[in-house]
Amino acid sequence: MIVGSESSSQVRGVRLGWSASGEGPLVLFAHGLGNDRWTLERTGLLDWSAIPAAGRRLVRFDARGHGTSTTGSHPLDPDQY
């Protein structure tokens, strides 16, 4: 498991959880529906360590309503936007 910084940011009324490791050009990971930023690593399907080792900054975040991110008070139905 990659050890790096973990934090969260407030974005449009939603708290988004994220983690970062490494230094250099950014590699951003956005997980699929029903997962969170740790799913592929926990299940052994992906080893992220090569990205920071290659001189890149890896940032993974939990999408709204996933992992440590909140859903916020805005409507969850896209038709209501």
Protein backbone atom coordinates (compact mmCIF):
# COMPACT_ATOMS: atom_id res chain seq x y z
CA MET A 1 0.00 0.00 0.00
CA ILE A 2 1.27 3.47 -0.87
CA VAL A 3 1.93 5.74 2.08
CA GLY A 4 1.22 9.38 1.36
CA SER A 5 -0.84 12.27 2.57
CA GLU A 6 -4.58 11.95 3.11
CA SER A 7 -6.91 14.89 3.24
CA SER A 8 -10.27 16.21 2.15
CA SER A 9 -11.45 19.35 0.40
CA GLN A 10 -14.75 21.18 0.46
CA VAL A 11 -16.08 21.52 -3.11
CA ARG A 12 -19.57 22.92 -3.85
CA GLY A 13 -20.96 21.80 -0.50
CA VAL A 14 -19.43 18.32 -0.67
CA ARG A 15 -16.43 17.08 1.31
CA LEU A 16 -14.20 15.09 -1.10
CA GLY A 17 -11.67 12.68 0.41
CA TRP A 18 -8.38 12.31 -1.42
CA SER A 19 -4.85 10.98 -1.05
CA ALA A 20 -1.57 11.93 -2.72
CA SER A 21 1.88 10.42 -2.98
CA GLY A 22 5.03 11.13 -4.95
CA GLU A 23 6.35 14.25 -6.62
CA GLY A 24 6.35 15.35 -10.26
CA PRO A 25 3.77 15.54 -13.04
CA LEU A 26 0.24 14.72 -11.89
CA VAL A 27 -1.50 11.39 -12.44
CA LEU A 28 -5.14 11.62 -11.34
CA PHE A 29 -7.14 8.47 -10.61
CA ALA A 30 -10.96 8.60 -10.73
CA HIS A 31 -12.56 5.33 -9.60
CA GLY A 32 -15.61 3.67 -11.15
CA LEU A 33 -19.16 3.54 -9.84
CA GLY A 34 -19.52 1.59 -6.61
CA ASN A 35 -15.83 1.76 -5.71
CA ASP A 36 -13.64 4.16 -3.79
CA ARG A 37 -10.04 5.27 -4.17
CA TRP A 38 -8.72 2.19 -2.32
CA THR A 39 -10.76 -0.64 -3.91
CA LEU A 40 -8.27 -1.78 -6.57
CA GLU A 41 -5.38 -1.75 -4.11
CA ARG A 42 -7.29 -3.55 -1.32
CA THR A 43 -8.41 -6.32 -3.66
CA GLY A 44 -4.88 -6.77 -5.05
CA LEU A 45 -5.91 -5.85 -8.58
CA LEU A 46 -3.54 -2.90 -8.87
CA ASP A 47 -0.25 -1.85 -7.30
CA TRP A 48 0.10 1.92 -7.47
CA SER A 49 3.71 2.03 -6.24
CA ALA A 50 5.18 2.23 -9.78
CA ILE A 51 3.64 5.66 -10.38
CA PRO A 52 5.42 7.58 -7.58
CA ALA A 53 8.54 5.47 -8.21
CA ALA A 54 8.53 6.79 -11.80
CA GLY A 55 8.68 10.39 -10.60
CA ARG A 56 4.97 11.17 -10.80
CA ARG A 57 2.54 12.60 -8.25
CA LEU A 58 -0.42 10.22 -7.82
CA VAL A 59 -3.68 11.74 -6.57
CA ARG A 60 -6.71 9.52 -5.93
CA PHE A 61 -10.04 10.85 -4.76
CA ASP A 62 -13.39 9.48 -3.61
CA ALA A 63 -16.22 10.70 -5.83
CA ARG A 64 -19.27 12.27 -4.23
CA GLY A 65 -21.04 9.74 -2.00
CA HIS A 66 -18.20 7.17 -2.17
CA GLY A 67 -15.55 6.24 0.41
CA THR A 68 -14.89 9.19 2.70
CA SER A 69 -16.66 11.76 0.49
CA THR A 70 -20.07 13.10 1.45
CA THR A 71 -23.17 13.47 -0.72
CA GLY A 72 -23.82 17.11 0.20
CA SER A 73 -27.19 18.82 0.16
CA HIS A 74 -27.56 19.25 -3.61
CA PRO A 75 -29.94 16.92 -5.48
CA LEU A 76 -28.54 13.50 -6.41
CA ASP A 77 -30.75 13.33 -9.53
CA PRO A 78 -28.93 14.93 -12.50
CA ASP A 79 -32.30 15.99 -13.99
CA GLN A 80 -32.74 18.39 -11.04
CA TYR A 81 -29.71 20.48 -11.98
